[in-house]
Amino acid sequence: MVQIKRMADYERDVRDEAAEVFVDGYYKELSFFSKDRNKLKAAFRDLFCPDVFLCCGNTGGDRRHTGLSE
């Protein structure tokens, strides 16, 4: 089942997953700064404020259904 809730409402910190989705979605543009996806994820991880962003995820843990909204 897919559920949408604030990142702050998850029982754990989901900013790593949020950064991974962001980097995967914008890698072509972001690769100008670095080709290393892990460096890009680390750079963007702390920019996601859990009180502001919503996260859509599959409760089965399927990352293909993860999304973000502000």
Protein backbone atom coordinates (compact mmCIF):
# COMPACT_ATOMS: atom_id res chain seq x y z
CA MET A 1 0.00 0.00 0.00
CA VAL A 2 1.21 3.52 -0.77
CA GLN A 3 1.02 6.13 1.97
CA ILE A 4 1.85 9.82 2.05
CA LYS A 5 2.96 11.54 5.23
CA ARG A 6 5.37 14.16 6.49
CA MET A 7 8.95 12.96 6.69
CA ALA A 8 8.90 13.91 10.39
CA ASP A 9 6.05 11.46 11.02
CA TYR A 10 8.11 8.39 10.11
CA GLU A 11 9.56 6.41 13.02
CA ARG A 12 13.04 6.75 11.53
CA ASP A 13 15.02 9.36 9.62
CA VAL A 14 14.16 9.00 5.92
CA ARG A 15 16.38 11.80 4.62
CA ASP A 16 18.86 9.30 3.15
CA GLU A 17 16.11 7.80 0.99
CA ALA A 18 14.85 11.27 0.07
CA ALA A 19 18.34 12.32 -1.03
CA GLU A 20 18.72 9.13 -3.03
CA VAL A 21 15.43 9.75 -4.88
CA PHE A 22 16.44 13.36 -5.53
CA VAL A 23 19.90 12.46 -6.85
CA ASP A 24 18.48 9.65 -9.01
CA GLY A 25 15.93 12.04 -10.49
CA TYR A 26 18.34 14.88 -11.19
CA TYR A 27 21.60 12.98 -11.69
CA LYS A 28 22.11 14.23 -15.24
CA GLU A 29 22.09 17.84 -14.03
CA LEU A 30 23.88 17.17 -10.73
CA SER A 31 26.68 15.16 -12.32
CA PHE A 32 28.14 18.50 -13.40
CA PHE A 33 29.21 18.92 -9.75
CA SER A 34 30.26 15.32 -9.10
CA LYS A 35 29.98 11.94 -10.78
CA ASP A 36 29.96 10.26 -7.35
CA ARG A 37 26.32 9.60 -6.39
CA ASN A 38 27.25 9.03 -2.74
CA LYS A 39 28.86 12.47 -2.48
CA LEU A 40 25.79 14.05 -4.05
CA LYS A 41 23.45 12.20 -1.66
CA ALA A 42 25.52 13.33 1.31
CA ALA A 43 25.47 16.91 0.06
CA PHE A 44 21.69 17.03 -0.32
CA ARG A 45 20.66 14.86 2.64
CA ASP A 46 20.53 17.66 5.21
CA LEU A 47 18.64 20.01 2.90
CA PHE A 48 15.43 18.03 3.36
CA CYS A 49 13.59 19.51 6.34
CA PRO A 50 11.41 16.69 7.75
CA ASP A 51 8.78 19.18 8.97
CA VAL A 52 8.29 20.59 5.47
CA PHE A 53 8.60 17.70 3.02
CA LEU A 54 6.11 14.93 2.41
CA CYS A 55 7.22 11.45 1.48
CA CYS A 56 5.23 8.92 -0.48
CA GLY A 57 6.37 5.38 0.00
CA ASN A 58 5.27 1.83 -0.49
CA THR A 59 4.86 0.11 2.87
CA GLY A 60 6.41 -2.98 1.29
CA GLY A 61 9.71 -1.10 0.99
CA ASP A 62 9.71 -0.88 -2.80
CA ARG A 63 11.84 2.20 -3.48
CA ARG A 64 10.43 2.61 -6.98
CA HIS A 65 7.34 4.16 -5.43
CA THR A 66 9.11 6.70 -3.27
CA GLY A 67 8.39 10.34 -4.02
CA LEU A 68 8.78 13.77 -2.44
CA SER A 69 6.70 16.90 -2.26
CA GLU A 70 7.01 20.24 -0.56
